Amino acid sequence: MKLPIAIIIGCAIIALAVFLGLTYDKRTWMESCVSGNELFQKDQAAQTCELQYVKSRK
C-alpha cells in the first residue's frame, strides 16, 4: 500500500519542480523583455512581452 503513495508523492514533487521552473523561466524572460521595452508604458510592455513569450514557446 505504501508504494502507490510514494509514486503519487514523487509525481507531485516532479510536477511542482517543472511548474516552478517554467514560472521562473517566464519571470526572467518577462523581466529582460520589459527592461528592453522602456519606451513603452509598463502595462503595455508587459502585454507585448506576454504575447512574444507565448509565440516564442510555440
PDB file of N, CA and C in Angstrom:
ATOM      1  N   MET A   1       0.825  -1.210   0.000  1.00  0.00           N
ATOM      2  CA  MET A   1       0.000   0.000   0.000  1.00  0.00           C
ATOM      3  C   MET A   1       0.860   1.262   0.000  1.00  0.00           C
ATOM      4  N   LYS A   2       2.075   1.165   0.520  1.00  0.00           N
ATOM      5  CA  LYS A   2       2.924   2.358   0.593  1.00  0.00           C
ATOM      6  C   LYS A   2       3.492   2.744  -0.769  1.00  0.00           C
ATOM      7  N   LEU A   3       3.633   1.782  -1.665  1.00  0.00           N
ATOM      8  CA  LEU A   3       4.235   2.066  -2.968  1.00  0.00           C
ATOM      9  C   LEU A   3       3.414   3.066  -3.786  1.00  0.00           C
ATOM     10  N   PRO A   4       2.091   2.895  -3.951  1.00  0.00           N
ATOM     11  CA  PRO A   4       1.316   3.891  -4.720  1.00  0.00           C
ATOM     12  C   PRO A   4       1.393   5.288  -4.124  1.00  0.00           C
ATOM     13  N   ILE A   5       1.417   5.379  -2.796  1.00  0.00           N
ATOM     14  CA  ILE A   5       1.521   6.693  -2.147  1.00  0.00           C
ATOM     15  C   ILE A   5       2.867   7.330  -2.482  1.00  0.00           C
ATOM     16  N   ALA A   6       3.931   6.541  -2.463  1.00  0.00           N
ATOM     17  CA  ALA A   6       5.263   7.056  -2.794  1.00  0.00           C
ATOM     18  C   ALA A   6       5.317   7.526  -4.245  1.00  0.00           C
ATOM     19  N   ILE A   7       4.670   6.786  -5.138  1.00  0.00           N
ATOM     20  CA  ILE A   7       4.639   7.178  -6.554  1.00  0.00           C
ATOM     21  C   ILE A   7       3.890   8.495  -6.720  1.00  0.00           C
ATOM     22  N   ILE A   8       2.748   8.639  -6.043  1.00  0.00           N
ATOM     23  CA  ILE A   8       1.957   9.875  -6.133  1.00  0.00           C
ATOM     24  C   ILE A   8       2.763  11.060  -5.608  1.00  0.00           C
ATOM     25  N   ILE A   9       3.429  10.875  -4.470  1.00  0.00           N
ATOM     26  CA  ILE A   9       4.237  11.955  -3.894  1.00  0.00           C
ATOM     27  C   ILE A   9       5.390  12.312  -4.832  1.00  0.00           C
ATOM     28  N   GLY A  10       6.024  11.308  -5.413  1.00  0.00           N
ATOM     29  CA  GLY A  10       7.117  11.558  -6.355  1.00  0.00           C
ATOM     30  C   GLY A  10       6.658  12.345  -7.569  1.00  0.00           C
ATOM     31  N   CYS A  11       5.502  11.956  -8.112  1.00  0.00           N
ATOM     32  CA  CYS A  11       4.951  12.672  -9.272  1.00  0.00           C
ATOM     33  C   CYS A  11       4.600  14.107  -8.905  1.00  0.00           C
ATOM     34  N   ALA A  12       4.056  14.309  -7.711  1.00  0.00           N
ATOM     35  CA  ALA A  12       3.690  15.658  -7.267  1.00  0.00           C
ATOM     36  C   ALA A  12       4.928  16.539  -7.150  1.00  0.00           C
ATOM     37  N   ILE A  13       6.004  15.977  -6.620  1.00  0.00           N
ATOM     38  CA  ILE A  13       7.249  16.745  -6.476  1.00  0.00           C
ATOM     39  C   ILE A  13       7.814  17.105  -7.850  1.00  0.00           C
ATOM     40  N   ILE A  14       7.797  16.156  -8.768  1.00  0.00           N
ATOM     41  CA  ILE A  14       8.289  16.418 -10.129  1.00  0.00           C
ATOM     42  C   ILE A  14       7.434  17.480 -10.812  1.00  0.00           C
ATOM     43  N   ALA A  15       6.103  17.364 -10.690  1.00  0.00           N
ATOM     44  CA  ALA A  15       5.196  18.340 -11.307  1.00  0.00           C
ATOM     45  C   ALA A  15       5.440  19.729 -10.726  1.00  0.00           C
ATOM     46  N   LEU A  16       5.626  19.810  -9.416  1.00  0.00           N
ATOM     47  CA  LEU A  16       5.878  21.096  -8.765  1.00  0.00           C
ATOM     48  C   LEU A  16       7.198  21.694  -9.253  1.00  0.00           C
ATOM     49  N   ALA A  17       8.229  20.863  -9.375  1.00  0.00           N
ATOM     50  CA  ALA A  17       9.530  21.338  -9.848  1.00  0.00           C
ATOM     51  C   ALA A  17       9.434  21.866 -11.280  1.00  0.00           C
ATOM     52  N   VAL A  18       8.701  21.153 -12.136  1.00  0.00           N
ATOM     53  CA  VAL A  18       8.524  21.594 -13.522  1.00  0.00           C
ATOM     54  C   VAL A  18       7.768  22.914 -13.556  1.00  0.00           C
ATOM     55  N   PHE A  19       6.683  23.006 -12.765  1.00  0.00           N
ATOM     56  CA  PHE A  19       5.884  24.235 -12.729  1.00  0.00           C
ATOM     57  C   PHE A  19       6.719  25.419 -12.252  1.00  0.00           C
ATOM     58  N   LEU A  20       7.476  25.231 -11.181  1.00  0.00           N
ATOM     59  CA  LEU A  20       8.313  26.313 -10.662  1.00  0.00           C
ATOM     60  C   LEU A  20       9.393  26.695 -11.669  1.00  0.00           C
ATOM     61  N   GLY A  21       9.935  25.722 -12.364  1.00  0.00           N
ATOM     62  CA  GLY A  21      10.946  26.004 -13.381  1.00  0.00           C
ATOM     63  C   GLY A  21      10.380  26.847 -14.511  1.00  0.00           C
ATOM     64  N   LEU A  22       9.164  26.527 -14.941  1.00  0.00           N
ATOM     65  CA  LEU A  22       8.539  27.280 -16.025  1.00  0.00           C
ATOM     66  C   LEU A  22       8.193  28.695 -15.589  1.00  0.00           C
ATOM     67  N   THR A  23       7.657  28.856 -14.359  1.00  0.00           N
ATOM     68  CA  THR A  23       7.298  30.197 -13.901  1.00  0.00           C
ATOM     69  C   THR A  23       8.549  31.037 -13.697  1.00  0.00           C
ATOM     70  N   TYR A  24       9.632  30.425 -13.212  1.00  0.00           N
ATOM     71  CA  TYR A  24      10.881  31.166 -13.035  1.00  0.00           C
ATOM     72  C   TYR A  24      11.427  31.594 -14.393  1.00  0.00           C
ATOM     73  N   ASP A  25      11.409  30.675 -15.352  1.00  0.00           N
ATOM     74  CA  ASP A  25      11.879  30.962 -16.705  1.00  0.00           C
ATOM     75  C   ASP A  25      11.068  32.101 -17.307  1.00  0.00           C
ATOM     76  N   LYS A  26       9.756  32.055 -17.133  1.00  0.00           N
ATOM     77  CA  LYS A  26       8.889  33.096 -17.690  1.00  0.00           C
ATOM     78  C   LYS A  26       9.163  34.428 -17.011  1.00  0.00           C
ATOM     79  N   ARG A  27       9.352  34.425 -15.694  1.00  0.00           N
ATOM     80  CA  ARG A  27       9.575  35.670 -14.964  1.00  0.00           C
ATOM     81  C   ARG A  27      10.860  36.336 -15.436  1.00  0.00           C
ATOM     82  N   THR A  28      11.940  35.571 -15.573  1.00  0.00           N
ATOM     83  CA  THR A  28      13.204  36.155 -16.022  1.00  0.00           C
ATOM     84  C   THR A  28      13.086  36.629 -17.466  1.00  0.00           C
ATOM     85  N   TRP A  29      12.353  35.879 -18.290  1.00  0.00           N
ATOM     86  CA  TRP A  29      12.152  36.264 -19.689  1.00  0.00           C
ATOM     87  C   TRP A  29      11.374  37.567 -19.761  1.00  0.00           C
ATOM     88  N   MET A  30      10.302  37.668 -18.954  1.00  0.00           N
ATOM     89  CA  MET A  30       9.472  38.878 -18.939  1.00  0.00           C
ATOM     90  C   MET A  30      10.291  40.075 -18.460  1.00  0.00           C
ATOM     91  N   GLU A  31      11.108  39.887 -17.426  1.00  0.00           N
ATOM     92  CA  GLU A  31      11.908  40.993 -16.900  1.00  0.00           C
ATOM     93  C   GLU A  31      12.880  41.506 -17.952  1.00  0.00           C
ATOM     94  N   SER A  32      13.546  40.605 -18.653  1.00  0.00           N
ATOM     95  CA  SER A  32      14.502  41.041 -19.667  1.00  0.00           C
ATOM     96  C   SER A  32      13.782  41.722 -20.822  1.00  0.00           C
ATOM     97  N   CYS A  33      12.593  41.226 -21.157  1.00  0.00           N
ATOM     98  CA  CYS A  33      11.833  41.813 -22.257  1.00  0.00           C
ATOM     99  C   CYS A  33      11.303  43.185 -21.868  1.00  0.00           C
ATOM    100  N   VAL A  34      10.746  43.308 -20.665  1.00  0.00           N
ATOM    101  CA  VAL A  34      10.193  44.592 -20.218  1.00  0.00           C
ATOM    102  C   VAL A  34      11.300  45.627 -20.098  1.00  0.00           C
ATOM    103  N   SER A  35      12.454  45.241 -19.571  1.00  0.00           N
ATOM    104  CA  SER A  35      13.554  46.194 -19.432  1.00  0.00           C
ATOM    105  C   SER A  35      14.059  46.630 -20.808  1.00  0.00           C
ATOM    106  N   GLY A  36      13.888  45.781 -21.807  1.00  0.00           N
ATOM    107  CA  GLY A  36      14.283  46.147 -23.161  1.00  0.00           C
ATOM    108  C   GLY A  36      13.262  47.033 -23.853  1.00  0.00           C
ATOM    109  N   ASN A  37      12.059  47.128 -23.284  1.00  0.00           N
ATOM    110  CA  ASN A  37      10.991  47.935 -23.877  1.00  0.00           C
ATOM    111  C   ASN A  37      10.660  49.132 -22.999  1.00  0.00           C
ATOM    112  N   GLU A  38      11.671  49.850 -22.554  1.00  0.00           N
ATOM    113  CA  GLU A  38      11.458  51.001 -21.677  1.00  0.00           C
ATOM    114  C   GLU A  38      10.634  52.088 -22.365  1.00  0.00           C
ATOM    115  N   LEU A  39      10.622  52.107 -23.689  1.00  0.00           N
ATOM    116  CA  LEU A  39       9.881  53.135 -24.417  1.00  0.00           C
ATOM    117  C   LEU A  39       8.377  52.991 -24.230  1.00  0.00           C
ATOM    118  N   PHE A  40       7.931  51.751 -24.056  1.00  0.00           N
ATOM    119  CA  PHE A  40       6.502  51.512 -23.848  1.00  0.00           C
ATOM    120  C   PHE A  40       6.114  51.868 -22.423  1.00  0.00           C
ATOM    121  N   GLN A  41       4.810  52.077 -22.225  1.00  0.00           N
ATOM    122  CA  GLN A  41       4.312  52.175 -20.854  1.00  0.00           C
ATOM    123  C   GLN A  41       4.434  50.790 -20.252  1.00  0.00           C
ATOM    124  N   LYS A  42       4.549  50.730 -18.930  1.00  0.00           N
ATOM    125  CA  LYS A  42       4.815  49.448 -18.266  1.00  0.00           C
ATOM    126  C   LYS A  42       3.784  48.374 -18.598  1.00  0.00           C
ATOM    127  N   ASP A  43       2.481  48.693 -18.473  1.00  0.00           N
ATOM    128  CA  ASP A  43       1.461  47.659 -18.701  1.00  0.00           C
ATOM    129  C   ASP A  43       1.437  47.218 -20.158  1.00  0.00           C
ATOM    130  N   GLN A  44       1.619  48.153 -21.065  1.00  0.00           N
ATOM    131  CA  GLN A  44       1.625  47.810 -22.492  1.00  0.00           C
ATOM    132  C   GLN A  44       2.837  46.934 -22.820  1.00  0.00           C
ATOM    133  N   ALA A  45       3.976  47.266 -22.231  1.00  0.00           N
ATOM    134  CA  ALA A  45       5.184  46.468 -22.457  1.00  0.00           C
ATOM    135  C   ALA A  45       4.991  45.052 -21.929  1.00  0.00           C
ATOM    136  N   ALA A  46       4.341  44.939 -20.777  1.00  0.00           N
ATOM    137  CA  ALA A  46       4.115  43.613 -20.196  1.00  0.00           C
ATOM    138  C   ALA A  46       3.209  42.783 -21.094  1.00  0.00           C
ATOM    139  N   GLN A  47       2.169  43.405 -21.656  1.00  0.00           N
ATOM    140  CA  GLN A  47       1.268  42.677 -22.553  1.00  0.00           C
ATOM    141  C   GLN A  47       2.008  42.251 -23.816  1.00  0.00           C
ATOM    142  N   THR A  48       2.820  43.138 -24.367  1.00  0.00           N
ATOM    143  CA  THR A  48       3.597  42.816 -25.564  1.00  0.00           C
ATOM    144  C   THR A  48       4.551  41.661 -25.276  1.00  0.00           C
ATOM    145  N   CYS A  49       5.213  41.717 -24.133  1.00  0.00           N
ATOM    146  CA  CYS A  49       6.148  40.653 -23.761  1.00  0.00           C
ATOM    147  C   CYS A  49       5.420  39.335 -23.563  1.00  0.00           C
ATOM    148  N   GLU A  50       4.224  39.418 -22.980  1.00  0.00           N
ATOM    149  CA  GLU A  50       3.429  38.203 -22.773  1.00  0.00           C
ATOM    150  C   GLU A  50       3.146  37.547 -24.122  1.00  0.00           C
ATOM    151  N   LEU A  51       2.745  38.332 -25.113  1.00  0.00           N
ATOM    152  CA  LEU A  51       2.457  37.794 -26.446  1.00  0.00           C
ATOM    153  C   LEU A  51       3.718  37.214 -27.082  1.00  0.00           C
ATOM    154  N   GLN A  52       4.826  37.933 -26.975  1.00  0.00           N
ATOM    155  CA  GLN A  52       6.081  37.450 -27.552  1.00  0.00           C
ATOM    156  C   GLN A  52       6.517  36.159 -26.885  1.00  0.00           C
ATOM    157  N   TYR A  53       6.306  36.077 -25.561  1.00  0.00           N
ATOM    158  CA  TYR A  53       6.693  34.859 -24.833  1.00  0.00           C
ATOM    159  C   TYR A  53       5.866  33.672 -25.300  1.00  0.00           C
ATOM    160  N   VAL A  54       4.560  33.871 -25.438  1.00  0.00           N
ATOM    161  CA  VAL A  54       3.679  32.785 -25.881  1.00  0.00           C
ATOM    162  C   VAL A  54       4.068  32.342 -27.286  1.00  0.00           C
ATOM    163  N   LYS A  55       4.340  33.300 -28.169  1.00  0.00           N
ATOM    164  CA  LYS A  55       4.727  32.961 -29.547  1.00  0.00           C
ATOM    165  C   LYS A  55       6.067  32.230 -29.577  1.00  0.00           C
ATOM    166  N   SER A  56       6.995  32.641 -28.711  1.00  0.00           N
ATOM    167  CA  SER A  56       8.320  32.010 -28.715  1.00  0.00           C
ATOM    168  C   SER A  56       8.260  30.579 -28.199  1.00  0.00           C
ATOM    169  N   ARG A  57       7.235  30.248 -27.421  1.00  0.00           N
ATOM    170  CA  ARG A  57       7.106  28.907 -26.866  1.00  0.00           C
ATOM    171  C   ARG A  57       6.492  27.929 -27.858  1.00  0.00           C
ATOM    172  N   LYS A  58       5.844  28.435 -28.913  1.00  0.00           N
ATOM    173  CA  LYS A  58       5.165  27.539 -29.859  1.00  0.00           C
ATOM    174  C   LYS A  58       6.134  26.976 -30.874  1.00  0.00           C
TER     175      LYS A  58
END
